[in-house]
């Protein structure tokens, strides 16, 4: 019985294989399975790639957990501008930034006396109340672009920051950095010292804050984010566009008054006199006139004699 069943099953499969549409159908089925497998595999790779891209974007937004030690520090736009001193409560501002819109008293406190002349301060003079020296720190993270000894300003350190922001430190005593050093906010870069330009302030540090090459009042931006300095560039751009857009106004010449007309029409007396030639006196002319007068007096002696004779006749008649 078993042998008969085996022969029957074999006959069935042989009949199925011998049918005309079996092999094409089998090929189509296998191809469909293969295509489905390839599509499923690719979709899995695309999904994994998308997940990796999203993860990379998140890492860029929040920053890498393992930054490169050799990478240069980048000043974030949310970094707050600090005073360039370690202990702000132990120091005071002795010279203010000169502001044209400030009151007169503040403008007087913003003048620097040097060589018997007053100069407008372009930064802040910070000193200790008792004249002691103190540590000077970086107001912002950045890179040291210049370190020099100036005979007038003293020791000077300049830091470059992102977005064309520069901090300037002068009148330093010791300098603890070199050009090219990467500095973090709050790092000590030197100590307060003296200079000739601000010698009346004694031991102090002169601090300047610049945006796009323009000095700004540091007091206005202390404890403010660096992004607040962008308003300065916008204001400058607006003023520049306004100046360029304004057409030059031609000044009208005032109409001459009646007196000016008369003055213009009146002849110049000097011109009139300049055309007159002064006659030259002939030599001896005055002497000839004098001689003629004397001659006339001498030529009439008879008149005097007649008068005297008439007087004598009147006396005899009496």
C-alpha atoms as a PDB file:
ATOM      1  CA  UNK A   1       0.000   0.000   0.000  1.00  0.00           C
ATOM      2  CA  UNK A   2       2.806   2.325   0.850  1.00  0.00           C
ATOM      3  CA  UNK A   3       4.527   1.771  -2.461  1.00  0.00           C
ATOM      4  CA  UNK A   4       1.294   2.493  -4.312  1.00  0.00           C
ATOM      5  CA  UNK A   5       0.865   5.781  -2.409  1.00  0.00           C
ATOM      6  CA  UNK A   6       4.441   6.839  -3.257  1.00  0.00           C
ATOM      7  CA  UNK A   7       3.959   6.106  -6.894  1.00  0.00           C
ATOM      8  CA  UNK A   8       0.684   8.036  -6.865  1.00  0.00           C
ATOM      9  CA  UNK A   9       2.321  11.156  -5.298  1.00  0.00           C
ATOM     10  CA  UNK A  10       5.183  11.048  -7.767  1.00  0.00           C
ATOM     11  CA  UNK A  11       2.736  10.868 -10.616  1.00  0.00           C
ATOM     12  CA  UNK A  12       0.940  13.909  -9.263  1.00  0.00           C
ATOM     13  CA  UNK A  13       4.114  16.034  -9.023  1.00  0.00           C
ATOM     14  CA  UNK A  14       5.218  14.906 -12.451  1.00  0.00           C
ATOM     15  CA  UNK A  15       1.871  15.899 -13.866  1.00  0.00           C
ATOM     16  CA  UNK A  16       2.161  19.334 -12.162  1.00  0.00           C
ATOM     17  CA  UNK A  17       5.673  19.918 -13.543  1.00  0.00           C
ATOM     18  CA  UNK A  18       4.559  18.906 -16.995  1.00  0.00           C
ATOM     19  CA  UNK A  19       1.847  21.568 -17.086  1.00  0.00           C
ATOM     20  CA  UNK A  20       2.699  24.516 -19.377  1.00  0.00           C
ATOM     21  CA  UNK A  21       2.147  27.396 -16.914  1.00  0.00           C
ATOM     22  CA  UNK A  22       3.845  25.871 -13.911  1.00  0.00           C
ATOM     23  CA  UNK A  23       7.440  26.918 -14.604  1.00  0.00           C
ATOM     24  CA  UNK A  24       6.661  30.545 -15.524  1.00  0.00           C
ATOM     25  CA  UNK A  25       4.509  30.845 -12.437  1.00  0.00           C
ATOM     26  CA  UNK A  26       7.308  29.419 -10.330  1.00  0.00           C
ATOM     27  CA  UNK A  27       9.827  31.883 -11.795  1.00  0.00           C
ATOM     28  CA  UNK A  28       7.494  34.839 -11.159  1.00  0.00           C
ATOM     29  CA  UNK A  29       6.939  33.742  -7.567  1.00  0.00           C
ATOM     30  CA  UNK A  30      10.654  33.469  -6.868  1.00  0.00           C
ATOM     31  CA  UNK A  31      11.296  36.876  -8.493  1.00  0.00           C
ATOM     32  CA  UNK A  32       8.582  38.483  -6.381  1.00  0.00           C
ATOM     33  CA  UNK A  33      10.104  37.028  -3.230  1.00  0.00           C
ATOM     34  CA  UNK A  34      13.557  38.308  -4.154  1.00  0.00           C
ATOM     35  CA  UNK A  35      12.274  41.817  -4.992  1.00  0.00           C
ATOM     36  CA  UNK A  36      10.345  41.950  -1.711  1.00  0.00           C
ATOM     37  CA  UNK A  37      13.471  41.005   0.193  1.00  0.00           C
ATOM     38  CA  UNK A  38      15.578  43.671  -1.514  1.00  0.00           C
ATOM     39  CA  UNK A  39      12.954  46.366  -0.878  1.00  0.00           C
ATOM     40  CA  UNK A  40      12.645  45.418   2.773  1.00  0.00           C
ATOM     41  CA  UNK A  41      16.427  45.503   3.216  1.00  0.00           C
ATOM     42  CA  UNK A  42      16.757  48.952   1.597  1.00  0.00           C
ATOM     43  CA  UNK A  43      13.931  50.394   3.647  1.00  0.00           C
ATOM     44  CA  UNK A  44      15.685  49.232   6.787  1.00  0.00           C
ATOM     45  CA  UNK A  45      18.922  50.948   5.738  1.00  0.00           C
ATOM     46  CA  UNK A  46      17.102  54.199   4.893  1.00  0.00           C
ATOM     47  CA  UNK A  47      15.409  54.227   8.256  1.00  0.00           C
ATOM     48  CA  UNK A  48      18.710  53.660  10.015  1.00  0.00           C
ATOM     49  CA  UNK A  49      20.309  56.454   7.978  1.00  0.00           C
ATOM     50  CA  UNK A  50      17.508  58.862   8.883  1.00  0.00           C
ATOM     51  CA  UNK A  51      17.859  57.997  12.555  1.00  0.00           C
ATOM     52  CA  UNK A  52      21.610  58.600  12.385  1.00  0.00           C
ATOM     53  CA  UNK A  53      21.076  61.954  10.642  1.00  0.00           C
ATOM     54  CA  UNK A  54      18.596  63.053  13.299  1.00  0.00           C
ATOM     55  CA  UNK A  55      21.021  62.016  16.020  1.00  0.00           C
ATOM     56  CA  UNK A  56      23.838  63.961  14.334  1.00  0.00           C
ATOM     57  CA  UNK A  57      21.678  67.073  14.173  1.00  0.00           C
ATOM     58  CA  UNK A  58      20.901  66.748  17.854  1.00  0.00           C
ATOM     59  CA  UNK A  59      24.596  66.385  18.640  1.00  0.00           C
ATOM     60  CA  UNK A  60      25.380  69.540  16.658  1.00  0.00           C
ATOM     61  CA  UNK A  61      22.676  71.520  18.432  1.00  0.00           C
ATOM     62  CA  UNK A  62      23.699  70.564  21.974  1.00  0.00           C
ATOM     63  CA  UNK A  63      27.430  70.147  21.229  1.00  0.00           C
ATOM     64  CA  UNK A  64      29.558  67.084  21.329  1.00  0.00           C
ATOM     65  CA  UNK A  65      29.958  65.344  24.674  1.00  0.00           C
ATOM     66  CA  UNK A  66      33.619  64.782  23.871  1.00  0.00           C
ATOM     67  CA  UNK A  67      34.993  67.932  22.206  1.00  0.00           C
ATOM     68  CA  UNK A  68      38.388  67.934  20.599  1.00  0.00           C
ATOM     69  CA  UNK A  69      41.009  69.248  22.997  1.00  0.00           C
ATOM     70  CA  UNK A  70      42.865  71.032  20.186  1.00  0.00           C
ATOM     71  CA  UNK A  71      39.758  72.865  18.911  1.00  0.00           C
ATOM     72  CA  UNK A  72      39.774  76.661  19.284  1.00  0.00           C
ATOM     73  CA  UNK A  73      37.292  78.060  21.817  1.00  0.00           C
ATOM     74  CA  UNK A  74      34.303  79.688  20.183  1.00  0.00           C
ATOM     75  CA  UNK A  75      32.511  82.516  21.957  1.00  0.00           C
ATOM     76  CA  UNK A  76      28.812  81.689  22.160  1.00  0.00           C
ATOM     77  CA  UNK A  77      26.292  84.370  21.351  1.00  0.00           C
ATOM     78  CA  UNK A  78      24.724  83.785  24.778  1.00  0.00           C
ATOM     79  CA  UNK A  79      27.971  84.538  26.655  1.00  0.00           C
ATOM     80  CA  UNK A  80      27.482  87.466  29.038  1.00  0.00           C
ATOM     81  CA  UNK A  81      29.957  90.358  29.006  1.00  0.00           C
ATOM     82  CA  UNK A  82      31.721  90.624  32.374  1.00  0.00           C
ATOM     83  CA  UNK A  83      33.867  93.267  34.033  1.00  0.00           C
ATOM     84  CA  UNK A  84      37.600  92.647  33.467  1.00  0.00           C
ATOM     85  CA  UNK A  85      38.316  92.249  37.189  1.00  0.00           C
ATOM     86  CA  UNK A  86      38.162  89.182  39.418  1.00  0.00           C
ATOM     87  CA  UNK A  87      36.384  90.966  42.284  1.00  0.00           C
ATOM     88  CA  UNK A  88      34.172  93.734  40.938  1.00  0.00           C
ATOM     89  CA  UNK A  89      32.983  94.674  44.440  1.00  0.00           C
ATOM     90  CA  UNK A  90      36.538  95.548  45.501  1.00  0.00           C
ATOM     91  CA  UNK A  91      37.172  97.956  42.633  1.00  0.00           C
ATOM     92  CA  UNK A  92      35.612 101.159  41.317  1.00  0.00           C
ATOM     93  CA  UNK A  93      35.371 102.983  38.004  1.00  0.00           C
ATOM     94  CA  UNK A  94      37.543 106.092  38.230  1.00  0.00           C
ATOM     95  CA  UNK A  95      37.230 107.176  34.578  1.00  0.00           C
ATOM     96  CA  UNK A  96      34.040 106.717  32.576  1.00  0.00           C
ATOM     97  CA  UNK A  97      33.447 106.335  28.855  1.00  0.00           C
ATOM     98  CA  UNK A  98      32.906 109.723  27.193  1.00  0.00           C
ATOM     99  CA  UNK A  99      29.320 109.876  25.956  1.00  0.00           C
ATOM    100  CA  UNK A 100      28.193 112.907  23.957  1.00  0.00           C
ATOM    101  CA  UNK A 101      24.619 112.410  25.202  1.00  0.00           C
ATOM    102  CA  UNK A 102      25.593 112.189  28.881  1.00  0.00           C
ATOM    103  CA  UNK A 103      25.189 114.948  31.425  1.00  0.00           C
ATOM    104  CA  UNK A 104      27.907 117.493  31.973  1.00  0.00           C
ATOM    105  CA  UNK A 105      29.090 115.967  35.259  1.00  0.00           C
ATOM    106  CA  UNK A 106      29.549 112.543  33.676  1.00  0.00           C
ATOM    107  CA  UNK A 107      31.387 114.085  30.749  1.00  0.00           C
ATOM    108  CA  UNK A 108      33.793 115.782  33.160  1.00  0.00           C
ATOM    109  CA  UNK A 109      34.471 112.378  34.784  1.00  0.00           C
ATOM    110  CA  UNK A 110      35.192 111.017  31.296  1.00  0.00           C
ATOM    111  CA  UNK A 111      38.148 113.298  30.588  1.00  0.00           C
ATOM    112  CA  UNK A 112      41.804 112.286  30.909  1.00  0.00           C
ATOM    113  CA  UNK A 113      44.408 114.938  31.713  1.00  0.00           C
ATOM    114  CA  UNK A 114      47.717 114.424  29.961  1.00  0.00           C
ATOM    115  CA  UNK A 115      50.424 116.947  29.150  1.00  0.00           C
ATOM    116  CA  UNK A 116      48.200 119.851  30.292  1.00  0.00           C
ATOM    117  CA  UNK A 117      45.452 118.834  27.873  1.00  0.00           C
ATOM    118  CA  UNK A 118      42.152 116.972  28.351  1.00  0.00           C
ATOM    119  CA  UNK A 119      41.272 113.970  26.187  1.00  0.00           C
ATOM    120  CA  UNK A 120      37.968 112.095  25.839  1.00  0.00           C
ATOM    121  CA  UNK A 121      38.116 108.603  27.310  1.00  0.00           C
ATOM    122  CA  UNK A 122      37.269 105.767  24.907  1.00  0.00           C
ATOM    123  CA  UNK A 123      36.953 103.188  27.681  1.00  0.00           C
ATOM    124  CA  UNK A 124      36.828 102.695  31.446  1.00  0.00           C
ATOM    125  CA  UNK A 125      39.503 103.267  34.064  1.00  0.00           C
ATOM    126  CA  UNK A 126      39.108 100.722  36.901  1.00  0.00           C
ATOM    127  CA  UNK A 127      41.134 100.961  40.116  1.00  0.00           C
ATOM    128  CA  UNK A 128      41.229  99.732  43.705  1.00  0.00           C
ATOM    129  CA  UNK A 129      40.030 102.316  46.272  1.00  0.00           C
ATOM    130  CA  UNK A 130      43.303 102.028  48.199  1.00  0.00           C
ATOM    131  CA  UNK A 131      45.509 102.015  45.102  1.00  0.00           C
ATOM    132  CA  UNK A 132      46.415  98.331  45.360  1.00  0.00           C
ATOM    133  CA  UNK A 133      47.026  96.096  42.362  1.00  0.00           C
ATOM    134  CA  UNK A 134      44.510  93.380  41.376  1.00  0.00           C
ATOM    135  CA  UNK A 135      44.035  90.580  38.869  1.00  0.00           C
ATOM    136  CA  UNK A 136      42.705  91.464  35.423  1.00  0.00           C
ATOM    137  CA  UNK A 137      40.587  88.766  33.745  1.00  0.00           C
ATOM    138  CA  UNK A 138      39.250  88.192  30.242  1.00  0.00           C
ATOM    139  CA  UNK A 139      35.849  89.768  29.867  1.00  0.00           C
ATOM    140  CA  UNK A 140      34.967  87.266  27.102  1.00  0.00           C
ATOM    141  CA  UNK A 141      36.366  84.068  25.644  1.00  0.00           C
ATOM    142  CA  UNK A 142      38.647  84.673  22.681  1.00  0.00           C
ATOM    143  CA  UNK A 143      42.137  84.633  21.230  1.00  0.00           C
ATOM    144  CA  UNK A 144      45.045  86.912  22.135  1.00  0.00           C
ATOM    145  CA  UNK A 145      45.836  88.925  19.028  1.00  0.00           C
ATOM    146  CA  UNK A 146      48.386  91.388  20.444  1.00  0.00           C
ATOM    147  CA  UNK A 147      50.692  91.733  23.444  1.00  0.00           C
ATOM    148  CA  UNK A 148      52.950  94.788  23.587  1.00  0.00           C
ATOM    149  CA  UNK A 149      54.692  97.327  25.807  1.00  0.00           C
ATOM    150  CA  UNK A 150      53.676 100.882  24.971  1.00  0.00           C
ATOM    151  CA  UNK A 151      55.720 103.770  26.451  1.00  0.00           C
ATOM    152  CA  UNK A 152      52.591 105.895  26.849  1.00  0.00           C
ATOM    153  CA  UNK A 153      49.787 103.381  27.495  1.00  0.00           C
ATOM    154  CA  UNK A 154      51.815 100.823  29.437  1.00  0.00           C
ATOM    155  CA  UNK A 155      51.490  97.073  28.865  1.00  0.00           C
ATOM    156  CA  UNK A 156      48.655  96.278  26.442  1.00  0.00           C
ATOM    157  CA  UNK A 157      46.729  93.065  25.643  1.00  0.00           C
ATOM    158  CA  UNK A 158      44.135  92.765  22.864  1.00  0.00           C
ATOM    159  CA  UNK A 159      41.658  89.866  22.567  1.00  0.00           C
ATOM    160  CA  UNK A 160      39.712  89.014  19.418  1.00  0.00           C
ATOM    161  CA  UNK A 161      36.260  87.444  19.694  1.00  0.00           C
ATOM    162  CA  UNK A 162      33.585  86.241  17.285  1.00  0.00           C
ATOM    163  CA  UNK A 163      31.347  88.649  15.337  1.00  0.00           C
ATOM    164  CA  UNK A 164      34.069  91.356  15.108  1.00  0.00           C
ATOM    165  CA  UNK A 165      34.100  91.973  18.873  1.00  0.00           C
ATOM    166  CA  UNK A 166      37.389  93.107  20.447  1.00  0.00           C
ATOM    167  CA  UNK A 167      38.358  93.747  24.079  1.00  0.00           C
ATOM    168  CA  UNK A 168      41.328  95.993  24.897  1.00  0.00           C
ATOM    169  CA  UNK A 169      43.322  96.018  28.176  1.00  0.00           C
ATOM    170  CA  UNK A 170      45.946  98.720  28.854  1.00  0.00           C
ATOM    171  CA  UNK A 171      47.949 100.046  31.830  1.00  0.00           C
ATOM    172  CA  UNK A 172      48.810  96.494  32.905  1.00  0.00           C
ATOM    173  CA  UNK A 173      51.572  95.530  35.295  1.00  0.00           C
ATOM    174  CA  UNK A 174      52.280  91.857  34.650  1.00  0.00           C
ATOM    175  CA  UNK A 175      51.107  90.030  31.515  1.00  0.00           C
ATOM    176  CA  UNK A 176      50.442  86.300  31.787  1.00  0.00           C
ATOM    177  CA  UNK A 177      49.521  85.535  28.153  1.00  0.00           C
ATOM    178  CA  UNK A 178      51.148  85.520  24.733  1.00  0.00           C
ATOM    179  CA  UNK A 179      49.892  86.282  21.243  1.00  0.00           C
ATOM    180  CA  UNK A 180      47.947  83.339  19.835  1.00  0.00           C
ATOM    181  CA  UNK A 181      46.784  81.968  23.203  1.00  0.00           C
ATOM    182  CA  UNK A 182      43.168  80.820  23.440  1.00  0.00           C
ATOM    183  CA  UNK A 183      41.544  82.356  26.504  1.00  0.00           C
ATOM    184  CA  UNK A 184      38.385  81.367  28.334  1.00  0.00           C
ATOM    185  CA  UNK A 185      36.155  83.927  29.979  1.00  0.00           C
ATOM    186  CA  UNK A 186      37.380  84.658  33.506  1.00  0.00           C
ATOM    187  CA  UNK A 187      40.996  83.586  32.903  1.00  0.00           C
ATOM    188  CA  UNK A 188      43.594  85.867  34.500  1.00  0.00           C
ATOM    189  CA  UNK A 189      45.569  87.646  31.778  1.00  0.00           C
ATOM    190  CA  UNK A 190      47.575  90.065  33.948  1.00  0.00           C
ATOM    191  CA  UNK A 191      47.536  92.571  36.790  1.00  0.00           C
ATOM    192  CA  UNK A 192      46.672  96.253  37.080  1.00  0.00           C
ATOM    193  CA  UNK A 193      49.580  98.667  36.696  1.00  0.00           C
ATOM    194  CA  UNK A 194      50.451 102.253  35.818  1.00  0.00           C
ATOM    195  CA  UNK A 195      51.007 104.277  32.655  1.00  0.00           C
ATOM    196  CA  UNK A 196      51.805 107.853  31.677  1.00  0.00           C
ATOM    197  CA  UNK A 197      48.550 108.558  29.848  1.00  0.00           C
ATOM    198  CA  UNK A 198      46.386 107.921  32.931  1.00  0.00           C
ATOM    199  CA  UNK A 199      48.948 108.599  35.618  1.00  0.00           C
ATOM    200  CA  UNK A 200      46.411 110.544  37.714  1.00  0.00           C
ATOM    201  CA  UNK A 201      44.504 107.268  38.238  1.00  0.00           C
ATOM    202  CA  UNK A 202      47.508 105.553  39.778  1.00  0.00           C
ATOM    203  CA  UNK A 203      47.408 101.755  39.635  1.00  0.00           C
ATOM    204  CA  UNK A 204      44.509 100.850  37.357  1.00  0.00           C
ATOM    205  CA  UNK A 205      43.470  99.023  34.190  1.00  0.00           C
ATOM    206  CA  UNK A 206      42.090 100.773  31.113  1.00  0.00           C
ATOM    207  CA  UNK A 207      39.404  98.605  29.468  1.00  0.00           C
ATOM    208  CA  UNK A 208      37.747  99.116  26.067  1.00  0.00           C
ATOM    209  CA  UNK A 209      34.986  97.213  24.268  1.00  0.00           C
ATOM    210  CA  UNK A 210      34.795  97.501  20.496  1.00  0.00           C
ATOM    211  CA  UNK A 211      32.276  96.267  17.916  1.00  0.00           C
ATOM    212  CA  UNK A 212      33.148  96.457  14.198  1.00  0.00           C
ATOM    213  CA  UNK A 213      36.043  98.769  15.094  1.00  0.00           C
ATOM    214  CA  UNK A 214      33.825 101.205  17.015  1.00  0.00           C
ATOM    215  CA  UNK A 215      34.301 101.894  20.731  1.00  0.00           C
ATOM    216  CA  UNK A 216      31.160 101.419  22.831  1.00  0.00           C
ATOM    217  CA  UNK A 217      30.368 102.150  26.460  1.00  0.00           C
ATOM    218  CA  UNK A 218      31.255  98.957  28.382  1.00  0.00           C
ATOM    219  CA  UNK A 219      29.033  99.936  31.323  1.00  0.00           C
ATOM    220  CA  UNK A 220      25.986  99.742  29.065  1.00  0.00           C
ATOM    221  CA  UNK A 221      26.736  96.123  28.087  1.00  0.00           C
ATOM    222  CA  UNK A 222      28.032  94.609  31.314  1.00  0.00           C
ATOM    223  CA  UNK A 223      25.888  91.586  32.298  1.00  0.00           C
ATOM    224  CA  UNK A 224      24.364  91.650  28.796  1.00  0.00           C
ATOM    225  CA  UNK A 225      24.727  88.892  26.162  1.00  0.00           C
ATOM    226  CA  UNK A 226      27.181  89.439  23.349  1.00  0.00           C
ATOM    227  CA  UNK A 227      24.286  89.347  20.878  1.00  0.00           C
ATOM    228  CA  UNK A 228      23.135  92.720  22.248  1.00  0.00           C
ATOM    229  CA  UNK A 229      26.104  94.316  20.449  1.00  0.00           C
ATOM    230  CA  UNK A 230      24.497  93.466  17.118  1.00  0.00           C
ATOM    231  CA  UNK A 231      22.119  96.390  17.639  1.00  0.00           C
ATOM    232  CA  UNK A 232      25.084  98.744  17.239  1.00  0.00           C
ATOM    233  CA  UNK A 233      25.878  97.425  13.762  1.00  0.00           C
ATOM    234  CA  UNK A 234      22.220  97.702  12.754  1.00  0.00           C
ATOM    235  CA  UNK A 235      22.054 101.317  13.964  1.00  0.00           C
ATOM    236  CA  UNK A 236      25.245 102.182  12.081  1.00  0.00           C
ATOM    237  CA  UNK A 237      23.914 100.563   8.920  1.00  0.00           C
ATOM    238  CA  UNK A 238      20.624 102.453   9.209  1.00  0.00           C
ATOM    239  CA  UNK A 239      22.431 105.762   9.688  1.00  0.00           C
ATOM    240  CA  UNK A 240      24.657 105.018   6.696  1.00  0.00           C
ATOM    241  CA  UNK A 241      21.703 104.132   4.500  1.00  0.00           C
ATOM    242  CA  UNK A 242      19.890 107.261   5.645  1.00  0.00           C
ATOM    243  CA  UNK A 243      22.876 109.460   4.841  1.00  0.00           C
ATOM    244  CA  UNK A 244      23.279 107.849   1.416  1.00  0.00           C
ATOM    245  CA  UNK A 245      19.570 108.131   0.641  1.00  0.00           C
ATOM    246  CA  UNK A 246      19.289 111.797   1.499  1.00  0.00           C
ATOM    247  CA  UNK A 247      19.665 114.133  -1.448  1.00  0.00           C
ATOM    248  CA  UNK A 248      21.956 117.089  -0.915  1.00  0.00           C
ATOM    249  CA  UNK A 249      20.005 120.242  -0.169  1.00  0.00           C
ATOM    250  CA  UNK A 250      21.140 123.281  -2.104  1.00  0.00           C
ATOM    251  CA  UNK A 251      21.306 126.348   0.071  1.00  0.00           C
ATOM    252  CA  UNK A 252      19.439 129.278  -1.388  1.00  0.00           C
ATOM    253  CA  UNK A 253      21.432 132.442  -1.539  1.00  0.00           C
ATOM    254  CA  UNK A 254      19.746 135.212   0.485  1.00  0.00           C
ATOM    255  CA  UNK A 255      18.348 138.080  -1.498  1.00  0.00           C
ATOM    256  CA  UNK A 256      20.431 141.254  -1.078  1.00  0.00           C
ATOM    257  CA  UNK A 257      18.815 143.930   1.061  1.00  0.00           C
ATOM    258  CA  UNK A 258      18.246 147.515  -0.037  1.00  0.00           C
ATOM    259  CA  UNK A 259      21.296 148.687   1.900  1.00  0.00           C
ATOM    260  CA  UNK A 260      23.454 146.037   0.251  1.00  0.00           C
ATOM    261  CA  UNK A 261      22.139 147.107  -3.158  1.00  0.00           C
ATOM    262  CA  UNK A 262      23.019 150.732  -2.410  1.00  0.00           C
ATOM    263  CA  UNK A 263      26.430 149.647  -1.173  1.00  0.00           C
ATOM    264  CA  UNK A 264      27.001 147.692  -4.357  1.00  0.00           C
ATOM    265  CA  UNK A 265      25.877 150.616  -6.518  1.00  0.00           C
ATOM    266  CA  UNK A 266      27.813 153.225  -4.557  1.00  0.00           C
ATOM    267  CA  UNK A 267      31.165 154.063  -6.157  1.00  0.00           C
ATOM    268  CA  UNK A 268      34.292 153.172  -4.367  1.00  0.00           C
ATOM    269  CA  UNK A 269      35.918 156.356  -3.116  1.00  0.00           C
ATOM    270  CA  UNK A 270      39.313 154.797  -3.138  1.00  0.00           C
ATOM    271  CA  UNK A 271      38.894 153.971  -6.813  1.00  0.00           C
ATOM    272  CA  UNK A 272      37.935 157.570  -7.527  1.00  0.00           C
ATOM    273  CA  UNK A 273      40.907 158.945  -5.651  1.00  0.00           C
ATOM    274  CA  UNK A 274      43.230 156.454  -7.167  1.00  0.00           C
ATOM    275  CA  UNK A 275      42.636 157.963 -10.595  1.00  0.00           C
ATOM    276  CA  UNK A 276      43.648 161.461  -9.503  1.00  0.00           C
ATOM    277  CA  UNK A 277      47.248 162.414  -9.968  1.00  0.00           C
ATOM    278  CA  UNK A 278      48.663 164.586  -7.227  1.00  0.00           C
ATOM    279  CA  UNK A 279      50.483 167.590  -8.765  1.00  0.00           C
ATOM    280  CA  UNK A 280      54.123 167.833  -7.984  1.00  0.00           C
ATOM    281  CA  UNK A 281      55.263 171.085  -6.362  1.00  0.00           C
ATOM    282  CA  UNK A 282      57.832 172.954  -8.380  1.00  0.00           C
ATOM    283  CA  UNK A 283      60.961 173.696  -6.486  1.00  0.00           C
ATOM    284  CA  UNK A 284      61.120 177.224  -5.143  1.00  0.00           C
ATOM    285  CA  UNK A 285      57.447 178.003  -5.801  1.00  0.00           C
ATOM    286  CA  UNK A 286      56.748 178.927  -2.185  1.00  0.00           C
ATOM    287  CA  UNK A 287      59.771 181.159  -2.047  1.00  0.00           C
ATOM    288  CA  UNK A 288      58.653 183.086  -5.160  1.00  0.00           C
ATOM    289  CA  UNK A 289      55.247 183.799  -3.599  1.00  0.00           C
ATOM    290  CA  UNK A 290      56.855 185.141  -0.456  1.00  0.00           C
ATOM    291  CA  UNK A 291      59.185 187.313  -2.413  1.00  0.00           C
ATOM    292  CA  UNK A 292      56.328 188.742  -4.484  1.00  0.00           C
ATOM    293  CA  UNK A 293      54.380 189.641  -1.348  1.00  0.00           C
ATOM    294  CA  UNK A 294      57.390 191.456   0.083  1.00  0.00           C
ATOM    295  CA  UNK A 295      57.911 193.170  -3.230  1.00  0.00           C
ATOM    296  CA  UNK A 296      54.322 194.422  -3.259  1.00  0.00           C
ATOM    297  CA  UNK A 297      54.694 195.814   0.238  1.00  0.00           C
ATOM    298  CA  UNK A 298      57.917 197.559  -0.715  1.00  0.00           C
ATOM    299  CA  UNK A 299      56.414 198.837  -3.983  1.00  0.00           C
ATOM    300  CA  UNK A 300      53.709 200.945  -2.147  1.00  0.00           C
ATOM    301  CA  UNK A 301      55.653 203.240   0.264  1.00  0.00           C
ATOM    302  CA  UNK A 302      53.886 206.329  -1.217  1.00  0.00           C
ATOM    303  CA  UNK A 303      50.599 205.259   0.370  1.00  0.00           C
ATOM    304  CA  UNK A 304      52.182 205.387   3.807  1.00  0.00           C
ATOM    305  CA  UNK A 305      53.636 208.882   3.103  1.00  0.00           C
ATOM    306  CA  UNK A 306      50.302 210.263   1.907  1.00  0.00           C
ATOM    307  CA  UNK A 307      48.578 209.040   5.032  1.00  0.00           C
ATOM    308  CA  UNK A 308      51.172 210.654   7.271  1.00  0.00           C
ATOM    309  CA  UNK A 309      50.937 214.043   5.425  1.00  0.00           C
ATOM    310  CA  UNK A 310      47.133 214.067   5.770  1.00  0.00           C
ATOM    311  CA  UNK A 311      47.486 213.583   9.509  1.00  0.00           C
ATOM    312  CA  UNK A 312      49.920 216.537   9.784  1.00  0.00           C
ATOM    313  CA  UNK A 313      47.560 218.922   7.877  1.00  0.00           C
ATOM    314  CA  UNK A 314      44.718 218.104  10.226  1.00  0.00           C
ATOM    315  CA  UNK A 315      46.859 218.936  13.252  1.00  0.00           C
ATOM    316  CA  UNK A 316      47.886 222.377  11.798  1.00  0.00           C
ATOM    317  CA  UNK A 317      44.274 223.331  11.044  1.00  0.00           C
ATOM    318  CA  UNK A 318      43.320 222.692  14.624  1.00  0.00           C
END
